[in-house]
Amino acid sequence: MPYGQAKEILDYARNFHCQVSDFYQQLADKAQSARVKLLLDYLIRHEKHLAKALEDFEQSVSSQALNTWYQYSQEQRTFAPLDAIKYSPTMTVDDVLKIGQTIDNCLIASYKGVAETASTAEVREIFENLLQMEEQEKHVKARMALGITDM
């Protein structure tokens, strides 16, 4: 099993949110439905916000906790490759929701795995907080999508 520092996972997650934002932009550029474009525009902004929130969060955490070394399995650190997600220009709001759920579940599983194997209580708390935040964000996105569907 490889070793790493807590800050590496935070950096990796922040970069992943930026990649997801870019991915949603690619989908929005090809989407034909106005509702789908509206949802994707929201998701683009949302992912950028999450990347910034992780950056701010990282600055609020003690450097001792960020520099803590831990052992992890590759699955705990591997976020699903976005190019493996299938989509078409005629996708629906439900299709976009499924893509978003796949991405969210990947982050949730990664944070959960790191929290479960954290070597210190402080690092465990960091990733439990991130896990909780990601689960809440998943619900926020679902409510937003329901609002768009009802339009």
N, C-alpha and C. Protein backbone atom coordinates (compact mmCIF):
# COMPACT_ATOMS: atom_id res chain seq x y z
N MET A 1 0.83 -1.19 0.00
CA MET A 1 0.00 0.00 0.00
C MET A 1 0.88 1.25 0.00
N PRO A 2 0.51 2.23 -0.81
CA PRO A 2 1.30 3.46 -0.86
C PRO A 2 1.05 4.34 0.37
N TYR A 3 1.96 5.27 0.57
CA TYR A 3 1.84 6.25 1.64
C TYR A 3 1.63 7.63 1.02
N GLY A 4 1.02 8.52 1.78
CA GLY A 4 0.84 9.89 1.32
C GLY A 4 0.53 10.79 2.49
N GLN A 5 0.44 12.08 2.19
CA GLN A 5 0.09 13.06 3.21
C GLN A 5 -1.35 13.51 3.01
N ALA A 6 -1.97 13.93 4.10
CA ALA A 6 -3.37 14.38 4.03
C ALA A 6 -3.54 15.51 3.02
N LYS A 7 -2.57 16.41 2.96
CA LYS A 7 -2.70 17.55 2.03
C LYS A 7 -2.72 17.09 0.58
N GLU A 8 -2.10 15.95 0.28
CA GLU A 8 -2.11 15.44 -1.09
C GLU A 8 -3.53 15.06 -1.52
N ILE A 9 -4.28 14.43 -0.60
CA ILE A 9 -5.66 14.08 -0.92
C ILE A 9 -6.51 15.33 -1.10
N LEU A 10 -6.30 16.34 -0.26
CA LEU A 10 -7.05 17.59 -0.40
C LEU A 10 -6.73 18.26 -1.74
N ASP A 11 -5.45 18.30 -2.10
CA ASP A 11 -5.06 18.88 -3.39
C ASP A 11 -5.67 18.09 -4.55
N TYR A 12 -5.63 16.78 -4.42
CA TYR A 12 -6.17 15.90 -5.45
C TYR A 12 -7.68 16.14 -5.60
N ALA A 13 -8.38 16.25 -4.47
CA ALA A 13 -9.83 16.48 -4.50
C ALA A 13 -10.16 17.85 -5.09
N ARG A 14 -9.38 18.86 -4.73
CA ARG A 14 -9.61 20.20 -5.27
C ARG A 14 -9.42 20.19 -6.79
N ASN A 15 -8.35 19.56 -7.25
CA ASN A 15 -8.12 19.46 -8.70
C ASN A 15 -9.23 18.66 -9.38
N PHE A 16 -9.73 17.65 -8.69
CA PHE A 16 -10.82 16.86 -9.25
C PHE A 16 -12.06 17.72 -9.44
N HIS A 17 -12.38 18.58 -8.47
CA HIS A 17 -13.54 19.48 -8.62
C HIS A 17 -13.35 20.41 -9.82
N CYS A 18 -12.13 20.87 -10.04
CA CYS A 18 -11.85 21.72 -11.22
C CYS A 18 -12.05 20.93 -12.51
N GLN A 19 -11.60 19.67 -12.52
CA GLN A 19 -11.78 18.83 -13.69
C GLN A 19 -13.26 18.55 -13.94
N VAL A 20 -14.02 18.34 -12.87
CA VAL A 20 -15.45 18.09 -13.00
C VAL A 20 -16.14 19.33 -13.58
N SER A 21 -15.75 20.51 -13.12
CA SER A 21 -16.30 21.75 -13.66
C SER A 21 -16.04 21.84 -15.16
N ASP A 22 -14.81 21.54 -15.57
CA ASP A 22 -14.47 21.54 -17.00
C ASP A 22 -15.29 20.50 -17.77
N PHE A 23 -15.46 19.33 -17.16
CA PHE A 23 -16.24 18.26 -17.77
C PHE A 23 -17.69 18.71 -17.98
N TYR A 24 -18.28 19.33 -16.95
CA TYR A 24 -19.64 19.84 -17.09
C TYR A 24 -19.72 20.92 -18.16
N GLN A 25 -18.68 21.71 -18.30
CA GLN A 25 -18.66 22.74 -19.35
C GLN A 25 -18.69 22.08 -20.73
N GLN A 26 -17.94 21.00 -20.90
CA GLN A 26 -17.95 20.27 -22.17
C GLN A 26 -19.36 19.72 -22.46
N LEU A 27 -20.00 19.20 -21.41
CA LEU A 27 -21.37 18.70 -21.60
C LEU A 27 -22.31 19.83 -21.97
N ALA A 28 -22.18 20.97 -21.29
CA ALA A 28 -23.05 22.13 -21.56
C ALA A 28 -22.87 22.62 -22.99
N ASP A 29 -21.64 22.60 -23.48
CA ASP A 29 -21.37 23.05 -24.85
C ASP A 29 -22.06 22.17 -25.89
N LYS A 30 -22.30 20.90 -25.55
CA LYS A 30 -22.91 19.96 -26.50
C LYS A 30 -24.40 19.72 -26.24
N ALA A 31 -24.87 20.10 -25.06
CA ALA A 31 -26.26 19.82 -24.69
C ALA A 31 -27.23 20.59 -25.58
N GLN A 32 -28.36 19.96 -25.88
CA GLN A 32 -29.37 20.59 -26.73
C GLN A 32 -30.54 21.14 -25.93
N SER A 33 -30.81 20.57 -24.78
CA SER A 33 -31.95 20.99 -23.97
C SER A 33 -31.60 22.20 -23.11
N ALA A 34 -32.52 23.17 -23.08
CA ALA A 34 -32.32 24.37 -22.26
C ALA A 34 -32.28 24.02 -20.78
N ARG A 35 -33.10 23.08 -20.35
CA ARG A 35 -33.10 22.66 -18.95
C ARG A 35 -31.79 21.99 -18.57
N VAL A 36 -31.29 21.16 -19.45
CA VAL A 36 -30.02 20.48 -19.20
C VAL A 36 -28.90 21.51 -19.11
N LYS A 37 -28.91 22.48 -20.02
CA LYS A 37 -27.88 23.53 -19.98
C LYS A 37 -27.96 24.33 -18.68
N LEU A 38 -29.17 24.62 -18.24
CA LEU A 38 -29.37 25.35 -16.99
C LEU A 38 -28.79 24.57 -15.81
N LEU A 39 -29.08 23.28 -15.76
CA LEU A 39 -28.55 22.43 -14.69
C LEU A 39 -27.02 22.36 -14.76
N LEU A 40 -26.50 22.19 -15.96
CA LEU A 40 -25.04 22.10 -16.12
C LEU A 40 -24.36 23.41 -15.75
N ASP A 41 -24.96 24.54 -16.09
CA ASP A 41 -24.40 25.83 -15.69
C ASP A 41 -24.32 25.93 -14.17
N TYR A 42 -25.38 25.47 -13.50
CA TYR A 42 -25.36 25.46 -12.03
C TYR A 42 -24.24 24.55 -11.52
N LEU A 43 -24.12 23.36 -12.10
CA LEU A 43 -23.11 22.40 -11.65
C LEU A 43 -21.69 22.91 -11.88
N ILE A 44 -21.48 23.63 -12.97
CA ILE A 44 -20.17 24.23 -13.25
C ILE A 44 -19.80 25.19 -12.13
N ARG A 45 -20.72 26.09 -11.81
CA ARG A 45 -20.46 27.06 -10.73
C ARG A 45 -20.29 26.35 -9.39
N HIS A 46 -21.10 25.33 -9.17
CA HIS A 46 -21.06 24.59 -7.92
C HIS A 46 -19.70 23.91 -7.72
N GLU A 47 -19.19 23.28 -8.75
CA GLU A 47 -17.89 22.60 -8.65
C GLU A 47 -16.76 23.60 -8.43
N LYS A 48 -16.84 24.75 -9.08
CA LYS A 48 -15.83 25.79 -8.85
C LYS A 48 -15.88 26.27 -7.40
N HIS A 49 -17.10 26.41 -6.88
CA HIS A 49 -17.27 26.81 -5.48
C HIS A 49 -16.66 25.76 -4.54
N LEU A 50 -16.89 24.48 -4.83
CA LEU A 50 -16.34 23.42 -3.99
C LEU A 50 -14.82 23.39 -4.04
N ALA A 51 -14.24 23.64 -5.20
CA ALA A 51 -12.78 23.70 -5.31
C ALA A 51 -12.24 24.83 -4.44
N LYS A 52 -12.89 25.98 -4.48
CA LYS A 52 -12.48 27.12 -3.66
C LYS A 52 -12.68 26.82 -2.18
N ALA A 53 -13.78 26.16 -1.84
CA ALA A 53 -14.05 25.80 -0.44
C ALA A 53 -12.98 24.86 0.09
N LEU A 54 -12.53 23.92 -0.73
CA LEU A 54 -11.45 23.02 -0.31
C LEU A 54 -10.15 23.78 -0.09
N GLU A 55 -9.89 24.74 -0.96
CA GLU A 55 -8.69 25.57 -0.80
C GLU A 55 -8.75 26.34 0.52
N ASP A 56 -9.89 26.94 0.81
CA ASP A 56 -10.08 27.67 2.06
C ASP A 56 -9.99 26.73 3.26
N PHE A 57 -10.60 25.57 3.13
CA PHE A 57 -10.58 24.57 4.20
C PHE A 57 -9.15 24.16 4.51
N GLU A 58 -8.38 23.92 3.46
CA GLU A 58 -6.99 23.49 3.64
C GLU A 58 -6.20 24.55 4.41
N GLN A 59 -6.48 25.81 4.18
CA GLN A 59 -5.76 26.88 4.87
C GLN A 59 -6.19 27.00 6.33
N SER A 60 -7.38 26.49 6.66
CA SER A 60 -7.86 26.58 8.04
C SER A 60 -7.42 25.40 8.90
N VAL A 61 -6.87 24.36 8.28
CA VAL A 61 -6.45 23.17 9.00
C VAL A 61 -4.99 23.32 9.40
N SER A 62 -4.64 22.76 10.55
CA SER A 62 -3.25 22.87 11.01
C SER A 62 -2.31 22.17 10.04
N SER A 63 -1.14 22.77 9.87
CA SER A 63 -0.16 22.18 8.95
C SER A 63 0.32 20.83 9.47
N GLN A 64 0.28 20.64 10.78
CA GLN A 64 0.67 19.35 11.35
C GLN A 64 -0.26 18.25 10.84
N ALA A 65 -1.56 18.54 10.84
CA ALA A 65 -2.53 17.55 10.35
C ALA A 65 -2.36 17.33 8.85
N LEU A 66 -2.14 18.41 8.10
CA LEU A 66 -1.98 18.28 6.65
C LEU A 66 -0.74 17.50 6.27
N ASN A 67 0.29 17.60 7.09
CA ASN A 67 1.55 16.91 6.79
C ASN A 67 1.61 15.50 7.36
N THR A 68 0.54 15.06 8.00
CA THR A 68 0.49 13.72 8.56
C THR A 68 0.54 12.69 7.44
N TRP A 69 1.40 11.70 7.63
CA TRP A 69 1.51 10.62 6.66
C TRP A 69 0.52 9.53 7.03
N TYR A 70 -0.04 8.89 6.04
CA TYR A 70 -0.95 7.79 6.27
C TYR A 70 -0.80 6.79 5.14
N GLN A 71 -1.26 5.59 5.41
CA GLN A 71 -1.22 4.53 4.40
C GLN A 71 -2.62 4.40 3.82
N TYR A 72 -2.71 4.26 2.52
CA TYR A 72 -4.01 4.17 1.87
C TYR A 72 -3.95 3.18 0.72
N SER A 73 -5.11 2.66 0.37
CA SER A 73 -5.19 1.82 -0.82
C SER A 73 -5.45 2.74 -2.01
N GLN A 74 -5.10 2.31 -3.18
CA GLN A 74 -5.27 3.13 -4.38
C GLN A 74 -6.73 3.48 -4.61
N GLU A 75 -7.64 2.58 -4.23
CA GLU A 75 -9.07 2.85 -4.42
C GLU A 75 -9.53 4.05 -3.61
N GLN A 76 -8.89 4.29 -2.47
CA GLN A 76 -9.28 5.41 -1.62
C GLN A 76 -8.90 6.74 -2.25
N ARG A 77 -7.97 6.72 -3.16
CA ARG A 77 -7.49 7.97 -3.72
C ARG A 77 -7.87 8.13 -5.19
N THR A 78 -8.46 7.14 -5.77
CA THR A 78 -8.77 7.19 -7.19
C THR A 78 -10.18 7.69 -7.40
N PHE A 79 -10.29 8.88 -7.97
CA PHE A 79 -11.59 9.41 -8.33
C PHE A 79 -11.88 8.93 -9.75
N ALA A 80 -13.13 8.58 -10.01
CA ALA A 80 -13.50 8.01 -11.31
C ALA A 80 -13.06 8.90 -12.46
N PRO A 81 -12.44 8.29 -13.47
CA PRO A 81 -12.05 9.09 -14.64
C PRO A 81 -13.29 9.59 -15.37
N LEU A 82 -13.31 10.87 -15.64
CA LEU A 82 -14.48 11.49 -16.24
C LEU A 82 -14.69 11.06 -17.68
N ASP A 83 -13.64 10.70 -18.38
CA ASP A 83 -13.80 10.30 -19.78
C ASP A 83 -14.48 8.94 -19.91
N ALA A 84 -14.62 8.21 -18.81
CA ALA A 84 -15.29 6.92 -18.85
C ALA A 84 -16.81 7.06 -18.72
N ILE A 85 -17.27 8.27 -18.40
CA ILE A 85 -18.70 8.51 -18.24
C ILE A 85 -19.31 8.78 -19.61
N LYS A 86 -20.35 8.02 -19.92
CA LYS A 86 -21.00 8.13 -21.23
C LYS A 86 -22.05 9.24 -21.22
N TYR A 87 -22.12 9.98 -22.32
CA TYR A 87 -23.12 11.04 -22.44
C TYR A 87 -23.38 11.31 -23.91
N SER A 88 -24.52 11.97 -24.17
CA SER A 88 -24.86 12.33 -25.55
C SER A 88 -25.43 13.75 -25.56
N PRO A 89 -25.45 14.40 -26.72
CA PRO A 89 -26.00 15.76 -26.81
C PRO A 89 -27.49 15.83 -26.46
N THR A 90 -28.18 14.70 -26.55
CA THR A 90 -29.62 14.69 -26.27
C THR A 90 -29.92 14.23 -24.84
N MET A 91 -28.94 14.32 -23.96
CA MET A 91 -29.16 13.86 -22.59
C MET A 91 -30.24 14.67 -21.89
N THR A 92 -30.85 14.03 -20.91
CA THR A 92 -31.92 14.65 -20.13
C THR A 92 -31.38 15.12 -18.78
N VAL A 93 -32.23 15.81 -18.04
CA VAL A 93 -31.87 16.22 -16.68
C VAL A 93 -31.54 14.98 -15.85
N ASP A 94 -32.31 13.91 -16.02
CA ASP A 94 -32.04 12.67 -15.28
C ASP A 94 -30.68 12.09 -15.63
N ASP A 95 -30.30 12.16 -16.91
CA ASP A 95 -28.97 11.68 -17.32
C ASP A 95 -27.87 12.47 -16.62
N VAL A 96 -28.04 13.78 -16.56
CA VAL A 96 -27.04 14.64 -15.90
C VAL A 96 -26.99 14.31 -14.41
N LEU A 97 -28.16 14.07 -13.82
CA LEU A 97 -28.21 13.70 -12.40
C LEU A 97 -27.45 12.41 -12.14
N LYS A 98 -27.60 11.43 -13.02
CA LYS A 98 -26.89 10.16 -12.85
C LYS A 98 -25.38 10.37 -12.94
N ILE A 99 -24.95 11.21 -13.87
CA ILE A 99 -23.52 11.53 -13.99
C ILE A 99 -23.05 12.19 -12.69
N GLY A 100 -23.82 13.16 -12.21
CA GLY A 100 -23.46 13.85 -10.97
C GLY A 100 -23.40 12.91 -9.78
N GLN A 101 -24.34 11.97 -9.71
CA GLN A 101 -24.34 11.00 -8.61
C GLN A 101 -23.13 10.09 -8.68
N THR A 102 -22.74 9.69 -9.87
CA THR A 102 -21.55 8.87 -10.03
C THR A 102 -20.32 9.60 -9.50
N ILE A 103 -20.20 10.87 -9.86
CA ILE A 103 -19.07 11.68 -9.41
C ILE A 103 -19.12 11.88 -7.90
N ASP A 104 -20.29 12.23 -7.37
CA ASP A 104 -20.43 12.43 -5.93
C ASP A 104 -20.11 11.16 -5.15
N ASN A 105 -20.63 10.03 -5.62
CA ASN A 105 -20.39 8.76 -4.93
C ASN A 105 -18.91 8.41 -4.91
N CYS A 106 -18.21 8.77 -5.95
CA CYS A 106 -16.78 8.53 -6.02
C CYS A 106 -16.05 9.33 -4.94
N LEU A 107 -16.38 10.61 -4.82
CA LEU A 107 -15.77 11.46 -3.79
C LEU A 107 -16.13 10.97 -2.40
N ILE A 108 -17.39 10.62 -2.20
CA ILE A 108 -17.84 10.13 -0.89
C ILE A 108 -17.08 8.87 -0.50
N ALA A 109 -16.95 7.94 -1.42
CA ALA A 109 -16.22 6.70 -1.13
C ALA A 109 -14.75 6.98 -0.82
N SER A 110 -14.16 7.92 -1.54
CA SER A 110 -12.75 8.25 -1.30
C SER A 110 -12.56 8.87 0.08
N TYR A 111 -13.40 9.85 0.42
CA TYR A 111 -13.30 10.49 1.74
C TYR A 111 -13.56 9.48 2.86
N LYS A 112 -14.53 8.61 2.66
CA LYS A 112 -14.86 7.61 3.67
C LYS A 112 -13.68 6.66 3.88
N GLY A 113 -13.09 6.22 2.79
CA GLY A 113 -11.94 5.32 2.89
C GLY A 113 -10.77 5.94 3.61
N VAL A 114 -10.49 7.20 3.32
CA VAL A 114 -9.37 7.89 3.97
C VAL A 114 -9.70 8.09 5.46
N ALA A 115 -10.93 8.48 5.77
CA ALA A 115 -11.32 8.70 7.17
C ALA A 115 -11.19 7.40 7.97
N GLU A 116 -11.58 6.30 7.37
CA GLU A 116 -11.54 5.01 8.08
C GLU A 116 -10.12 4.53 8.35
N THR A 117 -9.17 4.94 7.54
CA THR A 117 -7.79 4.47 7.71
C THR A 117 -6.85 5.56 8.22
N ALA A 118 -7.40 6.70 8.62
CA ALA A 118 -6.57 7.81 9.09
C ALA A 118 -5.76 7.39 10.32
N SER A 119 -4.53 7.86 10.36
CA SER A 119 -3.63 7.47 11.44
C SER A 119 -3.80 8.31 12.70
N THR A 120 -4.44 9.46 12.59
CA THR A 120 -4.66 10.31 13.77
C THR A 120 -6.12 10.75 13.81
N ALA A 121 -6.56 11.11 15.00
CA ALA A 121 -7.94 11.58 15.16
C ALA A 121 -8.17 12.87 14.38
N GLU A 122 -7.15 13.73 14.33
CA GLU A 122 -7.30 15.01 13.63
C GLU A 122 -7.51 14.81 12.13
N VAL A 123 -6.74 13.91 11.53
CA VAL A 123 -6.89 13.62 10.10
C VAL A 123 -8.23 12.94 9.85
N ARG A 124 -8.61 12.04 10.74
CA ARG A 124 -9.92 11.37 10.59
C ARG A 124 -11.03 12.42 10.62
N GLU A 125 -10.94 13.37 11.53
CA GLU A 125 -11.96 14.42 11.63
C GLU A 125 -12.01 15.27 10.36
N ILE A 126 -10.86 15.58 9.79
CA ILE A 126 -10.81 16.36 8.54
C ILE A 126 -11.62 15.66 7.46
N PHE A 127 -11.35 14.37 7.27
CA PHE A 127 -12.00 13.65 6.17
C PHE A 127 -13.45 13.28 6.50
N GLU A 128 -13.79 13.14 7.77
CA GLU A 128 -15.19 12.96 8.13
C GLU A 128 -15.97 14.24 7.84
N ASN A 129 -15.37 15.40 8.11
CA ASN A 129 -16.02 16.68 7.78
C ASN A 129 -16.21 16.82 6.27
N LEU A 130 -15.19 16.45 5.50
CA LEU A 130 -15.30 16.51 4.04
C LEU A 130 -16.35 15.54 3.52
N LEU A 131 -16.41 14.37 4.13
CA LEU A 131 -17.42 13.37 3.77
C LEU A 131 -18.82 13.93 4.03
N GLN A 132 -19.01 14.52 5.19
CA GLN A 132 -20.31 15.11 5.52
C GLN A 132 -20.66 16.24 4.55
N MET A 133 -19.68 17.10 4.23
CA MET A 133 -19.91 18.19 3.30
C MET A 133 -20.33 17.66 1.93
N GLU A 134 -19.64 16.63 1.46
CA GLU A 134 -19.94 16.08 0.14
C GLU A 134 -21.32 15.44 0.11
N GLU A 135 -21.72 14.78 1.20
CA GLU A 135 -23.06 14.19 1.26
C GLU A 135 -24.13 15.29 1.25
N GLN A 136 -23.88 16.39 1.96
CA GLN A 136 -24.83 17.51 1.95
C GLN A 136 -24.92 18.13 0.56
N GLU A 137 -23.78 18.28 -0.10
CA GLU A 137 -23.76 18.87 -1.45
C GLU A 137 -24.51 17.99 -2.44
N LYS A 138 -24.45 16.70 -2.24
CA LYS A 138 -25.18 15.77 -3.10
C LYS A 138 -26.69 16.03 -2.99
N HIS A 139 -27.17 16.28 -1.78
CA HIS A 139 -28.59 16.58 -1.57
C HIS A 139 -28.96 17.93 -2.17
N VAL A 140 -28.09 18.92 -2.04
CA VAL A 140 -28.34 20.25 -2.61
C VAL A 140 -28.50 20.14 -4.13
N LYS A 141 -27.61 19.39 -4.77
CA LYS A 141 -27.69 19.22 -6.22
C LYS A 141 -28.99 18.53 -6.62
N ALA A 142 -29.39 17.54 -5.86
CA ALA A 142 -30.63 16.81 -6.18
C ALA A 142 -31.84 17.74 -6.08
N ARG A 143 -31.88 18.59 -5.05
CA ARG A 143 -32.99 19.54 -4.92
C ARG A 143 -32.99 20.53 -6.08
N MET A 144 -31.82 20.99 -6.48
CA MET A 144 -31.72 21.92 -7.60
C MET A 144 -32.25 21.27 -8.87
N ALA A 145 -31.87 20.03 -9.09
CA ALA A 145 -32.32 19.32 -10.29
C ALA A 145 -33.83 19.11 -10.27
N LEU A 146 -34.39 18.83 -9.11
CA LEU A 146 -35.84 18.68 -9.02
C LEU A 146 -36.55 19.98 -9.36
N GLY A 147 -35.97 21.09 -8.94
CA GLY A 147 -36.54 22.40 -9.28
C GLY A 147 -36.52 22.64 -10.77
N ILE A 148 -35.46 22.23 -11.43
CA ILE A 148 -35.36 22.41 -12.88
C ILE A 148 -36.34 21.49 -13.60
N THR A 149 -36.50 20.28 -13.09
CA THR A 149 -37.43 19.33 -13.69
C THR A 149 -38.86 19.84 -13.61
N ASP A 150 -39.18 20.52 -12.51
CA ASP A 150 -40.54 21.04 -12.31
C ASP A 150 -40.84 22.28 -13.13
N MET A 151 -39.85 22.86 -13.77
CA MET A 151 -40.06 24.09 -14.54
C MET A 151 -40.94 23.85 -15.75
